[in-house]
Amino acid sequence: MTALTLSTAAVPGLRADAIVIGVAKGAASRSGSLVVAPGAEDLDKAYDGRLAGVLETLGASGAEGEVTKLPAPAGFKAPLVVAVGLGDRPEKDAAYDTEALRAAAGVAARALAGSKKAAFALPLADADAVGAVAEGVLLGAYSFDAYKGNGNGSEARKNGKAPLAEAALLGGKPRDKAYKAAVERAVAVSEELNRARDLINTPPNDLNPEAFAAIAQAAAKEHGIKVQVLDEKALVKGGYGGILGVGAGSASGPRLVKLSYTSSKAKRHLAFVGKGITYDSGGISLKPAGHNETMKCDMSGAAAVFAAVVAAARLGLEVNVTGWLALAENMPSGSATRPGDVLRMYSGKTVEVLNTDAEGRLVLADALWAASQEKPDAIVDVATLTGAMMLALGNRTFGIMANDDAFRSAVHEAAEQVGEPAWPMPLPDHLRKGMDSATADIANMGERMGGGLVAGLFLREFVGEGITWAHLDIAGPAFNEGGPFGYTPKGGTGSAVRTLVRLAELASDGELG
C-alpha cells in the first residue's frame, strides 16, 4: 500500500513526481471564478498570483473529481502540478469538508498511478483533515492486480500502472500527536478496507467458504483475535438449518466464523453479522442471464465485518466486538435446497423456502440468532441483500433498518461522519403478513413491492428479544460496475467498513447509546 509521511518541507525544494493542490468553485457572487485552496501558496506565488487564471484557461472549474495537470514553474524540484477539484468553496473562515478532501485525495492518487512519490499540498486545517486526506490517498491508490501477469501484479507494474508508491502530506506536523494518530488510524482502517476489497474481487473459484474462513483465522492469529470456525459437522450438530440449507447444493461446504476482539477496558459489546455468500447462482431459482457475472461480491457483508473487527483490534478500541461471518456458496445441484422445502433454523423456527435466491436472509438468520445468545448491547448486520434496495436508493447508497429508531439514527449519523452515503428505511409491520406460511412458521419471501423492507422484517424475526439491532443493505454500493470515482475503485468497494469502525469507536468512547 502507498507509504504515507507527514512533512513540513517547503514545496519548491521537495523532490517528487508531482505536487497535488486543491481548487474550488468561487462564491456565487463571482460565478465561474476559481479559487486555489490553502496549501498551494508557494505555487501561486511562483505564478505571480495567476495560478487560478492559468488553471481556468486549461478548463478547470473546481468541480469535485476534476483533475487538471500542468507543468510546475521554474525552481520547483517536482516537474508536475496536479490540481484536483474540491467542489464549492466553504464559507468564510470555515474549513474544507473532510469528505471533499478525502475524495480529492483519492482522485489524485489514482491519477498518479505509476508515480514513485507525490506531495499533497491540500488544505490541512486540523487532524480530521489530515486523516481524511490520508484515507483518500490510501483508498484511491488501491489496485487489484493479483490475477494479472504472473500473479503478483507484475503486468500492471510493467505497464506503468502500479499504485502511487509514496505520498507526503505537506503541512502535516510530524511531531503533532493528533496528526500522527490521524494517520495511524487512516492506515489501519484503509489497510483493512482494502483487504475487504481484495476478498470481494477474488474469483469464487479461489474464495469458497473454507478459504475465506482460513483467511480469517490467519488474520485473527496475527492481531490477537479469538476465532472459532464451525464446519459442516459442527453446523449439523448445532442445528444451523439456514446456513446448511443454502450451502447444500455446493461441493464447497458452508462455514460460520466467529471473530472475538475483547478489551479489558470495554464497557460495551457490539456484534457485527455479515452475509458471506462466496458465489450466488440463485440455486434452483437460478438467476437469469446477465445477473451471475458479479455474484462473487455477495460476500461483501462478511468482508466488511471481518475488516471492521480486525481494524478495531489494530486500533485498540475499548469495546468488545464480535464478528459473525455466515459463509456459504449457493449452487444448484441434486442436493440443493428446492423451492417448497422447509428448513429448521438455529433458533428453532421453521422457514418455507419459496425462492432459493432469497438465500442471504437464511444464513443471516442463523448468525443473528447465534449473536443474540451472547446478549450484546447491539447487533448490526451487513448484507448485499436485495435488488429492491438498489431500485430504491441507487448504486451508491445503502439502506438502514432497525428495531430502534434512535439506534437507526445513530448508525446513519456514523455513516455520514465517515462519508458513506446511507439512508434510514422503515420496517412497516403490515408487510410482515405477506410472509405467513401455511406450512412453516414463516416464508422467506413476502410481497414483491417493498422487497428490501420485507427482507429486513424477516431478519428481525431472528434477533433476540430486547436486543437493539440494525440492518445495513449494501446491495447497491458494495460493488462498483461503473468507472472509478473519488476514492472508490471499479469492483469491490468495502462499503460499510468505515461505518462499522466508527460505531465501534463511538461505543469505545461511551458515545453510542
Protein backbone atom coordinates (compact mmCIF):
# COMPACT_ATOMS: atom_id res chain seq x y z
CA MET A 1 0.00 0.00 0.00
CA THR A 2 1.09 3.60 -0.56
CA ALA A 3 3.55 4.81 2.09
CA LEU A 4 2.47 7.95 3.95
CA THR A 5 4.61 10.63 5.56
CA LEU A 6 3.81 13.93 7.27
CA SER A 7 6.03 16.76 6.11
CA THR A 8 6.59 20.45 6.76
CA ALA A 9 9.02 20.76 3.84
CA ALA A 10 8.75 23.75 1.55
CA VAL A 11 7.02 22.87 -1.70
CA PRO A 12 9.62 24.28 -4.13
CA GLY A 13 12.51 22.18 -2.83
CA LEU A 14 10.63 18.91 -2.37
CA ARG A 15 11.71 16.12 -4.70
CA ALA A 16 8.63 14.36 -6.02
CA ASP A 17 6.99 13.35 -9.28
CA ALA A 18 4.09 15.71 -8.70
CA ILE A 19 2.58 18.30 -6.40
CA VAL A 20 -1.14 17.92 -5.69
CA ILE A 21 -3.12 21.06 -4.90
CA GLY A 22 -6.80 21.77 -4.38
CA VAL A 23 -9.02 24.16 -6.31
CA ALA A 24 -12.61 25.10 -5.61
CA LYS A 25 -15.52 26.89 -7.16
CA GLY A 26 -15.70 30.53 -6.21
CA ALA A 27 -18.53 32.25 -4.35
CA ALA A 28 -21.88 32.72 -6.07
CA SER A 29 -21.16 36.44 -6.37
CA ARG A 30 -18.17 35.52 -8.55
CA SER A 31 -19.83 32.93 -10.75
CA GLY A 32 -17.35 30.85 -12.73
CA SER A 33 -14.32 32.04 -10.75
CA LEU A 34 -11.79 29.51 -9.48
CA VAL A 35 -10.20 29.56 -6.04
CA VAL A 36 -6.85 28.00 -5.17
CA ALA A 37 -7.18 26.22 -1.83
CA PRO A 38 -4.77 26.75 1.08
CA GLY A 39 -1.59 24.74 0.78
CA ALA A 40 -0.69 26.00 -2.69
CA GLU A 41 0.58 29.45 -1.70
CA ASP A 42 4.17 28.84 -2.91
CA LEU A 43 2.90 27.68 -6.29
CA ASP A 44 0.54 30.62 -6.67
CA LYS A 45 3.38 32.97 -5.82
CA ALA A 46 5.57 31.35 -8.49
CA TYR A 47 2.79 32.07 -10.99
CA ASP A 48 2.71 35.71 -9.82
CA GLY A 49 -0.68 35.11 -8.22
CA ARG A 50 -2.20 33.98 -11.51
CA LEU A 51 -2.40 30.23 -10.85
CA ALA A 52 -6.21 30.25 -10.72
CA GLY A 53 -6.38 32.07 -14.04
CA VAL A 54 -3.94 29.65 -15.67
CA LEU A 55 -5.98 26.69 -14.47
CA GLU A 56 -9.21 28.28 -15.71
CA THR A 57 -7.59 28.73 -19.11
CA LEU A 58 -6.87 24.99 -19.08
CA GLY A 59 -10.55 24.28 -18.37
CA ALA A 60 -10.52 23.80 -14.61
CA SER A 61 -13.74 24.64 -12.81
CA GLY A 62 -13.10 23.29 -9.31
CA ALA A 63 -15.79 20.61 -9.64
CA GLU A 64 -15.41 17.53 -7.47
CA GLY A 65 -13.48 14.77 -9.19
CA GLU A 66 -11.92 17.08 -11.77
CA VAL A 67 -8.18 16.78 -12.44
CA THR A 68 -6.09 19.37 -14.27
CA LYS A 69 -2.38 18.87 -14.92
CA LEU A 70 0.20 21.50 -15.80
CA PRO A 71 4.00 21.83 -15.68
CA ALA A 72 5.46 23.10 -12.43
CA PRO A 73 7.07 26.55 -12.59
CA ALA A 74 10.82 27.08 -12.76
CA GLY A 75 12.64 26.50 -9.50
CA PHE A 76 10.47 23.61 -8.33
CA LYS A 77 12.03 20.16 -7.95
CA ALA A 78 8.75 18.43 -8.87
CA PRO A 79 8.02 18.65 -12.62
CA LEU A 80 4.22 18.39 -12.46
CA VAL A 81 1.31 20.10 -10.73
CA VAL A 82 -1.95 18.20 -10.33
CA ALA A 83 -4.93 20.41 -9.44
CA VAL A 84 -7.91 18.47 -8.15
CA GLY A 85 -11.39 19.85 -7.63
CA LEU A 86 -12.85 20.27 -4.14
CA GLY A 87 -16.32 21.47 -5.15
CA ASP A 88 -17.78 24.62 -3.67
CA ARG A 89 -15.53 26.87 -1.64
CA PRO A 90 -16.56 26.84 2.05
CA GLU A 91 -17.97 29.88 3.77
CA LYS A 92 -15.50 32.43 5.11
CA ASP A 93 -13.26 31.01 7.87
CA ALA A 94 -14.84 27.56 7.50
CA ALA A 95 -12.66 24.52 6.84
CA TYR A 96 -12.99 22.41 3.72
CA ASP A 97 -15.35 19.47 4.09
CA THR A 98 -13.47 16.32 5.08
CA GLU A 99 -15.33 14.17 2.56
CA ALA A 100 -14.41 16.58 -0.23
CA LEU A 101 -10.77 16.32 0.85
CA ARG A 102 -10.99 12.52 1.04
CA ALA A 103 -12.48 12.29 -2.45
CA ALA A 104 -10.00 14.77 -3.94
CA ALA A 105 -7.04 12.91 -2.47
CA GLY A 106 -8.42 9.66 -3.86
CA VAL A 107 -8.86 11.09 -7.35
CA ALA A 108 -5.33 12.48 -7.32
CA ALA A 109 -3.79 9.25 -6.04
CA ARG A 110 -5.48 7.28 -8.80
CA ALA A 111 -4.42 9.84 -11.43
CA LEU A 112 -0.82 9.42 -10.28
CA ALA A 113 -0.70 5.64 -10.64
CA GLY A 114 2.80 4.68 -11.77
CA SER A 115 4.44 7.55 -9.85
CA LYS A 116 7.02 6.98 -7.14
CA LYS A 117 6.20 9.99 -4.95
CA ALA A 118 3.66 12.78 -4.80
CA ALA A 119 3.45 15.74 -2.46
CA PHE A 120 -0.11 16.55 -1.37
CA ALA A 121 -0.42 20.27 -0.67
CA LEU A 122 -4.11 20.18 0.19
CA PRO A 123 -5.71 22.30 2.96
CA LEU A 124 -4.91 20.52 6.24
CA ALA A 125 -6.61 22.67 8.86
CA ASP A 126 -6.63 20.04 11.59
CA ALA A 127 -6.15 16.36 12.40
CA ASP A 128 -9.52 15.45 10.89
CA ALA A 129 -8.42 16.90 7.56
CA VAL A 130 -5.12 15.01 7.79
CA GLY A 131 -6.97 11.76 8.43
CA ALA A 132 -9.35 12.39 5.53
CA VAL A 133 -6.56 13.09 3.05
CA ALA A 134 -4.59 10.08 4.29
CA GLU A 135 -7.63 7.83 3.85
CA GLY A 136 -8.35 9.27 0.43
CA VAL A 137 -4.81 8.60 -0.77
CA LEU A 138 -4.72 5.03 0.57
CA LEU A 139 -8.16 4.12 -0.73
CA GLY A 140 -7.80 5.94 -4.05
CA ALA A 141 -4.47 4.30 -4.84
CA TYR A 142 -5.96 0.81 -4.43
CA SER A 143 -5.42 -1.61 -7.29
CA PHE A 144 -6.32 -5.29 -7.58
CA ASP A 145 -3.63 -6.93 -9.70
CA ALA A 146 -3.34 -10.42 -8.22
CA TYR A 147 -4.54 -12.08 -11.41
CA LYS A 148 -2.53 -10.02 -13.89
CA GLY A 149 0.78 -11.13 -15.36
CA ASN A 150 2.43 -13.83 -13.30
CA GLY A 151 0.02 -13.40 -10.42
CA ASN A 152 1.85 -10.76 -8.36
CA GLY A 153 0.83 -7.67 -10.27
CA SER A 154 3.94 -7.59 -12.43
CA GLU A 155 1.92 -6.93 -15.58
CA ALA A 156 0.42 -3.82 -14.04
CA ARG A 157 3.84 -2.58 -12.99
CA LYS A 158 5.20 -3.36 -16.45
CA ASN A 159 2.53 -1.12 -17.95
CA GLY A 160 3.36 1.71 -15.55
CA LYS A 161 0.11 1.37 -13.62
CA ALA A 162 1.43 0.36 -10.24
CA PRO A 163 -0.20 2.27 -7.38
CA LEU A 164 1.38 5.51 -6.21
CA ALA A 165 4.31 4.38 -4.07
CA GLU A 166 4.64 7.27 -1.60
CA ALA A 167 2.64 10.31 -0.56
CA ALA A 168 3.93 13.19 1.54
CA LEU A 169 1.19 15.18 3.27
CA LEU A 170 2.50 18.74 3.33
CA GLY A 171 1.53 20.90 6.26
CA GLY A 172 1.03 17.80 8.39
CA LYS A 173 3.08 18.27 11.55
CA PRO A 174 5.16 15.08 12.02
CA ARG A 175 5.53 15.58 15.78
CA ASP A 176 1.93 16.52 16.49
CA LYS A 177 0.31 13.64 18.40
CA ALA A 178 -3.14 14.27 16.94
CA TYR A 179 -1.80 14.37 13.39
CA LYS A 180 0.23 11.19 13.89
CA ALA A 181 -2.78 9.44 15.42
CA ALA A 182 -4.95 10.51 12.48
CA VAL A 183 -2.50 8.96 10.01
CA GLU A 184 -2.15 5.78 12.06
CA ARG A 185 -5.92 5.40 12.18
CA ALA A 186 -6.19 6.02 8.44
CA VAL A 187 -3.57 3.36 7.75
CA ALA A 188 -5.26 0.74 9.94
CA VAL A 189 -8.76 1.34 8.59
CA SER A 190 -7.65 1.68 4.97
CA GLU A 191 -5.49 -1.43 5.01
CA GLU A 192 -8.37 -3.50 6.36
CA LEU A 193 -10.88 -1.91 3.99
CA ASN A 194 -8.55 -2.69 1.09
CA ARG A 195 -8.27 -6.25 2.39
CA ALA A 196 -12.07 -6.45 2.18
CA ARG A 197 -11.89 -5.16 -1.40
CA ASP A 198 -9.35 -7.86 -2.24
CA LEU A 199 -11.67 -10.54 -0.88
CA ILE A 200 -14.64 -9.18 -2.81
CA ASN A 201 -12.63 -9.05 -6.03
CA THR A 202 -11.18 -12.55 -5.65
CA PRO A 203 -12.78 -15.01 -8.10
CA PRO A 204 -15.13 -17.53 -6.46
CA ASN A 205 -13.03 -20.49 -7.62
CA ASP A 206 -10.33 -19.21 -5.24
CA LEU A 207 -12.56 -17.95 -2.43
CA ASN A 208 -15.02 -20.55 -1.22
CA PRO A 209 -16.29 -20.65 2.40
CA GLU A 210 -13.38 -22.79 3.59
CA ALA A 211 -10.80 -20.47 2.02
CA PHE A 212 -12.49 -17.37 3.47
CA ALA A 213 -12.51 -18.99 6.91
CA ALA A 214 -8.79 -19.79 6.62
CA ILE A 215 -8.00 -16.16 5.76
CA ALA A 216 -10.00 -15.00 8.78
CA GLN A 217 -8.15 -17.47 11.02
CA ALA A 218 -4.76 -16.21 9.84
CA ALA A 219 -5.69 -12.56 10.40
CA ALA A 220 -7.15 -13.34 13.82
CA LYS A 221 -3.92 -15.03 14.89
CA GLU A 222 -1.88 -12.06 13.68
CA HIS A 223 -3.95 -9.48 15.59
CA GLY A 224 -4.78 -11.32 18.81
CA ILE A 225 -8.41 -12.02 17.94
CA LYS A 226 -10.08 -15.21 19.12
CA VAL A 227 -11.58 -17.23 16.28
CA GLN A 228 -13.96 -20.15 16.09
CA VAL A 229 -14.90 -21.87 12.83
CA LEU A 230 -17.92 -24.15 12.63
CA ASP A 231 -17.58 -26.56 9.71
CA GLU A 232 -20.35 -28.71 8.23
CA LYS A 233 -20.27 -31.30 11.01
CA ALA A 234 -20.44 -28.63 13.70
CA LEU A 235 -23.23 -26.82 11.87
CA VAL A 236 -25.25 -30.03 11.63
CA LYS A 237 -24.67 -30.76 15.31
CA GLY A 238 -25.69 -27.23 16.25
CA GLY A 239 -28.81 -27.20 14.09
CA TYR A 240 -27.87 -24.31 11.79
CA GLY A 241 -30.50 -25.18 9.20
CA GLY A 242 -30.36 -21.87 7.35
CA ILE A 243 -26.64 -21.93 6.59
CA LEU A 244 -26.72 -25.64 5.82
CA GLY A 245 -29.75 -25.27 3.55
CA VAL A 246 -28.12 -22.56 1.46
CA GLY A 247 -24.84 -24.46 1.15
CA ALA A 248 -26.45 -27.83 0.46
CA GLY A 249 -26.06 -27.64 -3.32
CA SER A 250 -22.37 -26.82 -3.37
CA ALA A 251 -19.32 -29.07 -3.32
CA SER A 252 -17.77 -26.45 -1.05
CA GLY A 253 -19.26 -26.78 2.42
CA PRO A 254 -20.54 -23.79 4.43
CA ARG A 255 -18.86 -22.25 7.47
CA LEU A 256 -19.81 -19.99 10.36
CA VAL A 257 -16.85 -17.97 11.60
CA LYS A 258 -16.86 -16.16 14.93
CA LEU A 259 -14.22 -13.47 15.50
CA SER A 260 -13.95 -12.06 19.03
CA TYR A 261 -11.96 -8.93 19.84
CA THR A 262 -12.03 -8.09 23.53
CA SER A 263 -10.66 -5.18 25.53
CA SER A 264 -10.03 -5.30 29.28
CA LYS A 265 -11.43 -1.74 29.48
CA ALA A 266 -14.59 -2.43 27.48
CA LYS A 267 -17.97 -1.39 28.85
CA ARG A 268 -19.92 -2.17 25.69
CA HIS A 269 -20.25 -5.19 23.42
CA LEU A 270 -21.15 -4.89 19.75
CA ALA A 271 -21.91 -7.81 17.43
CA PHE A 272 -21.45 -7.44 13.68
CA VAL A 273 -23.01 -10.08 11.40
CA GLY A 274 -22.06 -10.40 7.74
CA LYS A 275 -23.64 -12.21 4.81
CA GLY A 276 -20.91 -14.26 3.17
CA ILE A 277 -22.27 -15.93 0.03
CA THR A 278 -18.98 -16.52 -1.78
CA TYR A 279 -20.90 -17.11 -5.01
CA ASP A 280 -24.61 -16.79 -5.61
CA SER A 281 -26.04 -18.59 -8.63
CA GLY A 282 -29.54 -18.25 -7.18
CA GLY A 283 -29.61 -22.00 -6.50
CA ILE A 284 -32.52 -23.89 -8.04
CA SER A 285 -34.20 -20.49 -8.52
CA LEU A 286 -31.38 -19.75 -10.96
CA LYS A 287 -30.57 -16.14 -11.71
CA PRO A 288 -31.31 -15.00 -15.27
CA ALA A 289 -28.53 -14.45 -17.80
CA GLY A 290 -26.56 -11.32 -17.12
CA HIS A 291 -27.02 -11.43 -13.35
CA ASN A 292 -24.39 -14.02 -12.45
CA GLU A 293 -21.13 -12.41 -13.52
CA THR A 294 -20.60 -10.23 -10.44
CA MET A 295 -22.02 -12.60 -7.85
CA LYS A 296 -18.59 -13.13 -6.32
CA CYS A 297 -19.44 -9.89 -4.49
CA ASP A 298 -22.27 -11.48 -2.50
CA MET A 299 -19.89 -11.95 0.44
CA SER A 300 -19.28 -8.20 0.76
CA GLY A 301 -21.13 -8.03 4.08
CA ALA A 302 -18.90 -10.70 5.63
CA ALA A 303 -15.83 -8.96 4.19
CA ALA A 304 -16.93 -5.70 5.80
CA VAL A 305 -17.50 -7.34 9.19
CA PHE A 306 -14.15 -9.14 9.01
CA ALA A 307 -12.33 -5.91 8.15
CA ALA A 308 -14.09 -3.93 10.88
CA VAL A 309 -13.25 -6.41 13.64
CA VAL A 310 -9.57 -6.51 12.64
CA ALA A 311 -9.48 -2.71 12.40
CA ALA A 312 -10.98 -2.42 15.90
CA ALA A 313 -8.24 -4.71 17.19
CA ARG A 314 -5.50 -2.76 15.43
CA LEU A 315 -6.83 0.50 16.85
CA GLY A 316 -7.03 -0.98 20.36
CA LEU A 317 -10.59 0.28 20.87
CA GLU A 318 -12.04 -0.07 24.37
CA VAL A 319 -15.05 -2.08 23.26
CA ASN A 320 -15.74 -5.77 22.75
CA VAL A 321 -16.55 -6.55 19.12
CA THR A 322 -17.72 -9.93 17.90
CA GLY A 323 -17.91 -10.61 14.18
CA TRP A 324 -20.01 -13.39 12.69
CA LEU A 325 -19.28 -14.44 9.11
CA ALA A 326 -22.08 -16.59 7.66
CA LEU A 327 -20.32 -18.27 4.73
CA ALA A 328 -21.88 -20.46 2.05
CA GLU A 329 -21.92 -20.98 -1.70
CA ASN A 330 -25.38 -21.03 -3.28
CA MET A 331 -25.35 -23.53 -6.15
CA PRO A 332 -27.90 -25.70 -7.99
CA SER A 333 -27.38 -29.46 -7.85
CA GLY A 334 -29.14 -32.68 -6.96
CA SER A 335 -28.55 -31.96 -3.29
CA ALA A 336 -29.61 -28.29 -3.37
CA THR A 337 -32.49 -26.90 -1.36
CA ARG A 338 -35.65 -26.70 -3.51
CA PRO A 339 -38.43 -24.13 -3.57
CA GLY A 340 -41.03 -25.59 -1.22
CA ASP A 341 -38.52 -27.13 1.18
CA VAL A 342 -38.80 -26.28 4.87
CA LEU A 343 -35.67 -25.55 6.91
CA ARG A 344 -35.44 -25.65 10.68
CA MET A 345 -33.30 -22.71 11.71
CA TYR A 346 -30.83 -22.44 14.58
CA SER A 347 -33.47 -20.53 16.54
CA GLY A 348 -35.89 -23.46 16.21
CA LYS A 349 -38.23 -21.62 13.86
CA THR A 350 -39.12 -23.23 10.55
CA VAL A 351 -38.85 -21.42 7.22
CA GLU A 352 -40.58 -22.37 3.99
CA VAL A 353 -38.18 -21.60 1.16
CA LEU A 354 -40.23 -20.12 -1.67
CA ASN A 355 -37.21 -18.80 -3.57
CA THR A 356 -33.69 -20.17 -3.18
CA ASP A 357 -32.29 -16.86 -4.46
CA ALA A 358 -33.52 -15.24 -1.25
CA GLU A 359 -30.68 -17.08 0.49
CA GLY A 360 -28.85 -14.26 2.24
CA ARG A 361 -31.58 -13.83 4.82
CA LEU A 362 -31.38 -17.55 5.62
CA VAL A 363 -27.68 -17.57 6.52
CA LEU A 364 -28.05 -14.25 8.35
CA ALA A 365 -30.99 -15.58 10.38
CA ASP A 366 -28.83 -18.33 11.88
CA ALA A 367 -25.95 -15.96 12.55
CA LEU A 368 -28.22 -13.31 14.08
CA TRP A 369 -29.67 -15.85 16.49
CA ALA A 370 -26.17 -17.07 17.39
CA ALA A 371 -25.06 -13.48 18.02
CA SER A 372 -28.15 -12.86 20.13
CA GLN A 373 -27.25 -15.64 22.54
CA GLU A 374 -24.34 -13.56 23.84
CA LYS A 375 -26.67 -10.64 24.69
CA PRO A 376 -24.59 -7.87 23.10
CA ASP A 377 -25.57 -4.25 23.58
CA ALA A 378 -26.35 -4.02 19.88
CA ILE A 379 -26.19 -6.10 16.71
CA VAL A 380 -25.53 -4.69 13.25
CA ASP A 381 -25.82 -6.95 10.22
CA VAL A 382 -24.40 -6.09 6.81
CA ALA A 383 -25.53 -7.72 3.58
CA THR A 384 -25.83 -7.38 -0.17
CA LEU A 385 -29.39 -8.47 0.42
CA THR A 386 -31.91 -7.18 -2.11
CA GLY A 387 -32.16 -5.75 -5.59
CA ALA A 388 -35.16 -3.87 -4.26
CA MET A 389 -32.87 -1.68 -2.15
CA MET A 390 -30.88 -0.83 -5.25
CA LEU A 391 -34.10 0.20 -7.00
CA ALA A 392 -34.98 2.39 -4.04
CA LEU A 393 -31.62 4.04 -3.31
CA GLY A 394 -29.44 3.51 -6.38
CA ASN A 395 -25.89 2.19 -6.62
CA ARG A 396 -24.10 4.39 -4.09
CA THR A 397 -26.34 4.48 -1.02
CA PHE A 398 -27.09 1.71 1.45
CA GLY A 399 -30.30 1.39 3.42
CA ILE A 400 -30.51 1.27 7.21
CA MET A 401 -33.33 -0.54 9.01
CA ALA A 402 -33.58 -1.11 12.75
CA ASN A 403 -35.85 -2.17 15.58
CA ASP A 404 -35.00 1.05 17.42
CA ASP A 405 -35.41 4.48 15.82
CA ALA A 406 -32.71 6.13 17.95
CA PHE A 407 -30.19 3.43 17.05
CA ARG A 408 -31.07 3.70 13.37
CA SER A 409 -30.37 7.43 13.60
CA ALA A 410 -27.06 6.77 15.38
CA VAL A 411 -25.97 4.37 12.63
CA HIS A 412 -26.99 6.88 9.97
CA GLU A 413 -25.03 9.63 11.71
CA ALA A 414 -21.97 7.37 11.96
CA ALA A 415 -22.17 6.67 8.23
CA GLU A 416 -22.39 10.39 7.48
CA GLN A 417 -19.40 11.11 9.71
CA VAL A 418 -17.15 8.82 7.69
CA GLY A 419 -18.55 9.80 4.29
CA GLU A 420 -20.57 6.69 3.44
CA PRO A 421 -23.89 7.55 1.75
CA ALA A 422 -26.75 5.87 3.63
CA TRP A 423 -30.44 6.41 4.23
CA PRO A 424 -32.81 5.30 7.02
CA MET A 425 -35.59 2.99 5.89
CA PRO A 426 -38.75 1.85 7.72
CA LEU A 427 -39.91 -1.62 8.75
CA PRO A 428 -43.69 -1.41 8.15
CA ASP A 429 -45.42 -4.08 10.22
CA HIS A 430 -48.18 -4.56 7.63
CA LEU A 431 -45.63 -6.17 5.27
CA ARG A 432 -44.99 -8.98 7.75
CA LYS A 433 -48.26 -10.74 6.89
CA GLY A 434 -47.03 -11.44 3.36
CA MET A 435 -44.50 -13.91 4.80
CA ASP A 436 -47.12 -16.04 6.53
CA SER A 437 -46.81 -19.69 5.53
CA ALA A 438 -49.42 -22.45 5.73
CA THR A 439 -46.61 -24.97 6.16
CA ALA A 440 -43.95 -23.31 8.34
CA ASP A 441 -43.55 -20.55 10.90
CA ILE A 442 -42.54 -18.08 8.20
CA ALA A 443 -41.69 -18.00 4.48
CA ASN A 444 -38.51 -16.47 3.11
CA MET A 445 -40.48 -14.35 0.63
CA GLY A 446 -43.29 -11.85 1.02
CA GLU A 447 -44.80 -9.04 -1.01
CA ARG A 448 -42.79 -8.05 -4.08
CA MET A 449 -43.30 -4.33 -3.53
CA GLY A 450 -41.09 -3.13 -0.71
CA GLY A 451 -38.92 -6.24 -1.05
CA GLY A 452 -35.97 -4.68 0.76
CA LEU A 453 -38.18 -3.86 3.74
CA VAL A 454 -39.69 -7.35 3.69
CA ALA A 455 -36.17 -8.80 3.95
CA GLY A 456 -35.49 -6.58 6.94
CA LEU A 457 -38.70 -7.76 8.62
CA PHE A 458 -37.64 -11.37 8.05
CA LEU A 459 -34.29 -10.74 9.75
CA ARG A 460 -35.98 -9.01 12.69
CA GLU A 461 -37.70 -12.32 13.48
CA PHE A 462 -34.31 -13.81 14.36
CA VAL A 463 -32.99 -11.09 16.67
CA GLY A 464 -33.14 -11.98 20.35
CA GLU A 465 -35.79 -10.27 22.44
CA GLY A 466 -34.75 -6.93 23.89
CA ILE A 467 -31.61 -6.61 21.74
CA THR A 468 -31.04 -3.43 19.75
CA TRP A 469 -30.42 -4.26 16.10
CA ALA A 470 -29.78 -2.56 12.78
CA HIS A 471 -29.62 -3.97 9.26
CA LEU A 472 -27.50 -2.43 6.50
CA ASP A 473 -28.49 -3.45 2.98
CA ILE A 474 -25.38 -2.63 0.92
CA ALA A 475 -26.55 -4.27 -2.32
CA GLY A 476 -26.07 -1.02 -4.25
CA PRO A 477 -22.68 0.35 -3.17
CA ALA A 478 -20.86 -2.94 -2.42
CA PHE A 479 -19.66 -3.50 -5.99
CA ASN A 480 -19.00 -0.71 -8.46
CA GLU A 481 -19.62 -1.87 -12.03
CA GLY A 482 -19.06 1.60 -13.47
CA GLY A 483 -15.94 3.72 -13.63
CA PRO A 484 -13.97 4.70 -10.52
CA PHE A 485 -14.87 7.91 -8.71
CA GLY A 486 -13.40 9.73 -5.74
CA TYR A 487 -11.57 7.10 -3.70
CA THR A 488 -13.90 4.33 -4.91
CA PRO A 489 -12.45 1.88 -7.45
CA LYS A 490 -14.15 -0.27 -10.02
CA GLY A 491 -15.14 -3.61 -8.44
CA GLY A 492 -15.33 -4.28 -4.71
CA THR A 493 -15.66 -1.11 -2.65
CA GLY A 494 -15.51 -2.14 1.00
CA SER A 495 -18.86 -0.47 1.69
CA ALA A 496 -19.88 -0.24 5.38
CA VAL A 497 -16.40 -0.99 6.78
CA ARG A 498 -15.87 2.59 7.90
CA THR A 499 -19.38 2.86 9.33
CA LEU A 500 -18.84 -0.25 11.46
CA VAL A 501 -15.46 1.01 12.66
CA ARG A 502 -16.99 4.36 13.53
CA LEU A 503 -19.74 2.64 15.54
CA ALA A 504 -17.06 0.69 17.44
CA GLU A 505 -15.17 3.94 18.12
CA LEU A 506 -18.32 5.64 19.42
CA ALA A 507 -19.01 2.68 21.69
CA SER A 508 -15.40 2.76 22.87
CA ASP A 509 -15.74 6.45 23.73
CA GLY A 510 -19.06 5.92 25.51
CA GLU A 511 -20.93 7.94 22.88
CA LEU A 512 -23.14 5.20 21.45
CA GLY A 513 -26.47 4.95 23.21
